[in-house]
Amino acid sequence: MSSDVFFELRDVHAYYGESYIVQGVSMKVNKGEVLALLGRNGAGKTSTLRTIARADNPGMTRGEIWLEGQPVHAMKSWQASQAGIQLVPEDRRIIPGMTVEENLILSQVAPNKGWSLEQIYSHFPRLAERRQQEGVTLSGGEQQMLAVARALAREVKLLLLDEPYEGLAPVIVEEIEHIVQDIKKSGITTIIVEQNAVAALKMADRAVILDTGELAFEGSAAELLADAELRNRYLAI
């Protein structure tokens, strides 16, 4: 792994049972970058994020994953989390029966800790207002904020955001966009999967397009934003 590459996938293959989902994906991300990971439904985007986070499914059968020169491919999900890879899943997974603050505190029980509660509340004032409210009773946008904040409560070297705008009103999408911009300014390296490709590209430095589990494009976000024909071919937008 070269010294200037912060994160790298090398020829990664992964399966759900016998279904071949991630088909030889390779990509590199530099420190502090935001990478938009795009593609149509079923292209393998979420599966790639889950593979990076070392979730049990899909099962990785071949390839290498490196973070800051450290091999991630042999790790379990909890080890990858302790190494600094934090996944914010599409379904958010807020823990029922616990307040906003309890959800945040629970995420800091195991090492290594990230942002303090004070830092989180300064970046997420809505969560500060609702800190004693049960997490699952928040609005969809507020639950998304809590899911992101919970990831930031742990040490984050690589943040994986899976469909952060899914099902949210435009005004809330703007608020989440501002939060992602704050995360970028703080220097956290981020990979974002998002069906709203234009919104993702506007905040990303570079973009990767997956097509049926394979890499179809890799280049600058500005290049992809300017190329309507390429977007139409692979993203139908």
Protein backbone atom coordinates (compact mmCIF):
# COMPACT_ATOMS: atom_id res chain seq x y z
CA MET A 1 0.00 0.00 0.00
CA SER A 2 1.51 3.32 -1.09
CA SER A 3 2.12 5.95 1.58
CA ASP A 4 -0.35 8.50 0.16
CA VAL A 5 -3.32 6.08 0.01
CA PHE A 6 -5.35 6.12 3.22
CA PHE A 7 -7.84 3.37 2.39
CA GLU A 8 -7.80 0.72 -0.32
CA LEU A 9 -9.84 -2.18 -1.64
CA ARG A 10 -7.91 -4.68 -3.74
CA ASP A 11 -9.88 -7.09 -5.94
CA VAL A 12 -12.60 -7.70 -3.36
CA HIS A 13 -15.19 -10.44 -3.98
CA ALA A 14 -18.19 -11.15 -1.73
CA TYR A 15 -21.27 -13.38 -1.79
CA TYR A 16 -24.69 -13.63 -0.16
CA GLY A 17 -24.94 -17.41 -0.08
CA GLU A 18 -24.38 -18.40 -3.70
CA SER A 19 -25.23 -14.94 -5.05
CA TYR A 20 -22.08 -13.24 -6.36
CA ILE A 21 -22.58 -9.61 -5.27
CA VAL A 22 -19.23 -7.80 -5.11
CA GLN A 23 -17.26 -8.83 -8.16
CA GLY A 24 -13.61 -7.85 -7.97
CA VAL A 25 -13.94 -4.25 -6.77
CA SER A 26 -10.76 -2.21 -6.31
CA MET A 27 -10.58 1.43 -5.24
CA LYS A 28 -8.48 3.88 -3.28
CA VAL A 29 -9.46 6.77 -1.03
CA ASN A 30 -7.09 9.48 0.15
CA LYS A 31 -7.16 10.90 3.68
CA GLY A 32 -9.91 13.47 4.21
CA GLU A 33 -11.67 12.73 0.93
CA VAL A 34 -15.39 12.22 0.43
CA LEU A 35 -16.01 9.46 -2.10
CA ALA A 36 -19.46 9.00 -3.65
CA LEU A 37 -20.13 5.30 -4.28
CA LEU A 38 -22.92 5.23 -6.86
CA GLY A 39 -24.91 2.87 -9.04
CA ARG A 40 -28.44 1.68 -9.75
CA ASN A 41 -30.42 -0.41 -7.26
CA GLY A 42 -28.82 -3.83 -6.96
CA ALA A 43 -25.42 -2.64 -8.18
CA GLY A 44 -23.69 -3.82 -4.99
CA LYS A 45 -23.17 -0.48 -3.23
CA THR A 46 -24.52 -1.41 0.22
CA SER A 47 -22.88 -4.83 -0.05
CA THR A 48 -19.53 -3.11 -0.67
CA LEU A 49 -19.98 -0.91 2.43
CA ARG A 50 -20.92 -3.94 4.52
CA THR A 51 -17.88 -5.81 3.23
CA ILE A 52 -15.64 -2.88 4.17
CA ALA A 53 -17.19 -2.83 7.67
CA ARG A 54 -16.55 -6.61 7.89
CA ALA A 55 -20.20 -7.52 8.45
CA ASP A 56 -20.97 -11.24 8.37
CA ASN A 57 -23.03 -10.81 5.20
CA PRO A 58 -22.04 -10.64 2.46
CA GLY A 59 -19.18 -13.07 3.00
CA MET A 60 -15.88 -11.91 1.54
CA THR A 61 -14.14 -14.77 -0.29
CA ARG A 62 -11.17 -13.02 -1.87
CA GLY A 63 -9.32 -9.71 -1.86
CA GLU A 64 -7.72 -7.29 0.56
CA ILE A 65 -8.89 -4.27 2.55
CA TRP A 66 -6.32 -1.83 3.95
CA LEU A 67 -6.74 1.17 6.25
CA GLU A 68 -3.66 3.27 7.05
CA GLY A 69 -1.45 0.32 6.17
CA GLN A 70 -3.40 -1.98 8.50
CA PRO A 71 -5.02 -5.12 7.01
CA VAL A 72 -8.77 -5.06 7.65
CA HIS A 73 -9.73 -8.10 5.56
CA ALA A 74 -8.98 -10.57 8.38
CA MET A 75 -10.97 -8.62 10.98
CA LYS A 76 -14.40 -9.21 12.47
CA SER A 77 -16.88 -6.31 12.46
CA TRP A 78 -16.12 -5.31 16.07
CA GLN A 79 -12.40 -5.24 15.30
CA ALA A 80 -12.98 -3.09 12.23
CA SER A 81 -15.04 -0.71 14.38
CA GLN A 82 -12.25 -0.47 16.94
CA ALA A 83 -9.82 0.17 14.07
CA GLY A 84 -11.90 3.23 13.12
CA ILE A 85 -14.34 2.03 10.45
CA GLN A 86 -17.86 3.20 11.35
CA LEU A 87 -20.90 2.22 9.28
CA VAL A 88 -24.15 4.20 9.44
CA PRO A 89 -26.64 1.72 7.96
CA GLU A 90 -29.68 2.71 5.92
CA ASP A 91 -32.08 1.37 8.58
CA ARG A 92 -30.30 3.46 11.29
CA ARG A 93 -30.76 0.82 14.02
CA ILE A 94 -31.66 3.17 16.85
CA ILE A 95 -31.99 1.12 20.03
CA PRO A 96 -35.58 1.14 21.37
CA GLY A 97 -36.26 1.89 25.02
CA MET A 98 -33.23 4.19 25.24
CA THR A 99 -33.02 7.97 25.08
CA VAL A 100 -30.96 9.88 22.54
CA GLU A 101 -28.22 10.40 25.11
CA GLU A 102 -28.27 6.76 26.21
CA ASN A 103 -27.84 5.66 22.58
CA LEU A 104 -24.79 7.92 22.35
CA ILE A 105 -23.30 6.85 25.70
CA LEU A 106 -23.74 3.16 24.85
CA SER A 107 -21.70 3.63 21.67
CA GLN A 108 -18.77 4.77 23.81
CA VAL A 109 -18.72 1.80 26.19
CA ALA A 110 -16.03 -0.02 24.20
CA PRO A 111 -12.81 1.67 23.05
CA ASN A 112 -11.99 3.81 21.18
CA LYS A 113 -13.99 6.97 21.92
CA GLY A 114 -14.52 9.71 19.35
CA TRP A 115 -16.38 12.99 19.73
CA SER A 116 -17.51 13.92 23.23
CA LEU A 117 -21.19 14.51 23.98
CA GLU A 118 -20.44 18.24 24.07
CA GLN A 119 -18.94 18.12 20.56
CA ILE A 120 -21.85 16.08 19.26
CA TYR A 121 -24.46 18.42 20.69
CA SER A 122 -22.67 21.47 19.28
CA HIS A 123 -22.85 19.93 15.79
CA PHE A 124 -26.33 18.42 16.28
CA PRO A 125 -28.37 21.02 18.24
CA ARG A 126 -31.62 19.13 17.52
CA LEU A 127 -30.22 16.14 19.39
CA ALA A 128 -29.23 18.38 22.29
CA GLU A 129 -32.85 19.56 22.52
CA ARG A 130 -34.11 15.97 22.48
CA ARG A 131 -31.40 14.28 24.53
CA GLN A 132 -33.92 12.81 27.02
CA GLN A 133 -36.40 11.68 24.34
CA GLU A 134 -36.58 8.01 23.37
CA GLY A 135 -34.52 7.63 20.19
CA VAL A 136 -37.08 5.64 18.19
CA THR A 137 -39.72 8.37 18.70
CA LEU A 138 -37.65 10.96 16.81
CA SER A 139 -38.58 11.98 13.29
CA GLY A 140 -36.85 10.19 10.41
CA GLY A 141 -34.42 13.06 9.91
CA GLU A 142 -33.61 13.24 13.61
CA GLN A 143 -33.04 9.49 13.74
CA GLN A 144 -30.61 9.88 10.83
CA MET A 145 -28.77 12.58 12.76
CA LEU A 146 -28.62 10.29 15.80
CA ALA A 147 -27.26 7.41 13.70
CA VAL A 148 -24.49 9.65 12.31
CA ALA A 149 -23.77 11.14 15.75
CA ARG A 150 -23.55 7.67 17.27
CA ALA A 151 -20.88 6.74 14.70
CA LEU A 152 -18.95 9.94 15.48
CA ALA A 153 -19.07 9.11 19.19
CA ARG A 154 -16.56 6.39 18.37
CA GLU A 155 -13.12 6.99 16.90
CA VAL A 156 -13.69 7.46 13.18
CA LYS A 157 -11.01 7.05 10.56
CA LEU A 158 -13.38 5.96 7.80
CA LEU A 159 -17.10 6.88 7.92
CA LEU A 160 -19.46 4.81 5.76
CA LEU A 161 -22.84 6.45 5.10
CA ASP A 162 -25.50 4.24 3.50
CA GLU A 163 -28.37 6.22 1.95
CA PRO A 164 -28.33 9.09 4.48
CA TYR A 165 -31.05 11.03 2.59
CA GLU A 166 -33.44 8.10 2.10
CA GLY A 167 -37.06 9.06 2.79
CA LEU A 168 -36.23 12.53 4.13
CA ALA A 169 -37.92 15.82 3.23
CA PRO A 170 -35.79 18.25 1.16
CA VAL A 171 -35.33 20.64 4.09
CA ILE A 172 -33.99 17.79 6.25
CA VAL A 173 -31.75 16.61 3.41
CA GLU A 174 -30.18 20.09 3.41
CA GLU A 175 -29.57 19.82 7.14
CA ILE A 176 -27.91 16.39 6.76
CA GLU A 177 -25.81 17.81 3.89
CA HIS A 178 -24.53 20.55 6.20
CA ILE A 179 -23.61 17.93 8.80
CA VAL A 180 -21.69 15.91 6.18
CA GLN A 181 -19.88 19.10 5.15
CA ASP A 182 -18.93 19.67 8.81
CA ILE A 183 -17.64 16.10 8.98
CA LYS A 184 -15.59 16.71 5.83
CA LYS A 185 -14.13 19.92 7.30
CA SER A 186 -13.09 17.97 10.41
CA GLY A 187 -10.92 15.80 8.13
CA ILE A 188 -12.84 12.52 8.44
CA THR A 189 -12.54 10.32 5.36
CA THR A 190 -16.02 9.37 4.13
CA ILE A 191 -17.62 7.01 1.62
CA ILE A 192 -21.25 7.88 0.88
CA VAL A 193 -23.75 5.63 -0.89
CA GLU A 194 -26.76 7.60 -2.06
CA GLN A 195 -29.51 7.21 -4.67
CA ASN A 196 -29.65 11.00 -4.90
CA ALA A 197 -26.45 10.93 -6.93
CA VAL A 198 -26.38 14.63 -7.79
CA ALA A 199 -26.62 15.60 -4.10
CA ALA A 200 -23.82 13.16 -3.24
CA LEU A 201 -21.61 14.37 -6.10
CA LYS A 202 -21.97 18.01 -5.07
CA MET A 203 -20.22 17.30 -1.77
CA ALA A 204 -17.85 14.55 -2.93
CA ASP A 205 -14.28 14.91 -4.16
CA ARG A 206 -14.34 11.75 -6.26
CA ALA A 207 -16.85 9.18 -7.42
CA VAL A 208 -17.00 5.47 -8.15
CA ILE A 209 -19.84 3.81 -10.07
CA LEU A 210 -20.67 0.14 -9.58
CA ASP A 211 -22.59 -1.78 -12.23
CA THR A 212 -23.78 -5.29 -11.27
CA GLY A 213 -21.05 -5.62 -8.69
CA GLU A 214 -18.19 -4.40 -10.89
CA LEU A 215 -16.37 -1.08 -11.11
CA ALA A 216 -17.71 0.87 -14.11
CA PHE A 217 -16.27 4.37 -13.46
CA GLU A 218 -13.73 6.05 -11.21
CA GLY A 219 -12.93 9.74 -11.43
CA SER A 220 -13.61 13.19 -10.04
CA ALA A 221 -17.08 14.10 -8.83
CA ALA A 222 -16.97 17.26 -10.96
CA GLU A 223 -16.25 15.18 -14.06
CA LEU A 224 -19.26 12.96 -13.44
CA LEU A 225 -21.53 15.91 -12.66
CA ALA A 226 -20.55 17.45 -16.01
CA ASP A 227 -21.10 14.24 -18.00
CA ALA A 228 -24.85 13.73 -18.39
CA GLU A 229 -24.37 10.88 -20.86
CA LEU A 230 -22.25 8.89 -18.38
CA ARG A 231 -24.74 9.52 -15.56
CA ASN A 232 -27.60 8.41 -17.79
CA ARG A 233 -25.78 5.25 -18.84
CA TYR A 234 -25.02 4.02 -15.32
CA LEU A 235 -27.33 5.97 -13.01
CA ALA A 236 -30.32 6.85 -15.23
CA ILE A 237 -30.31 10.46 -13.98
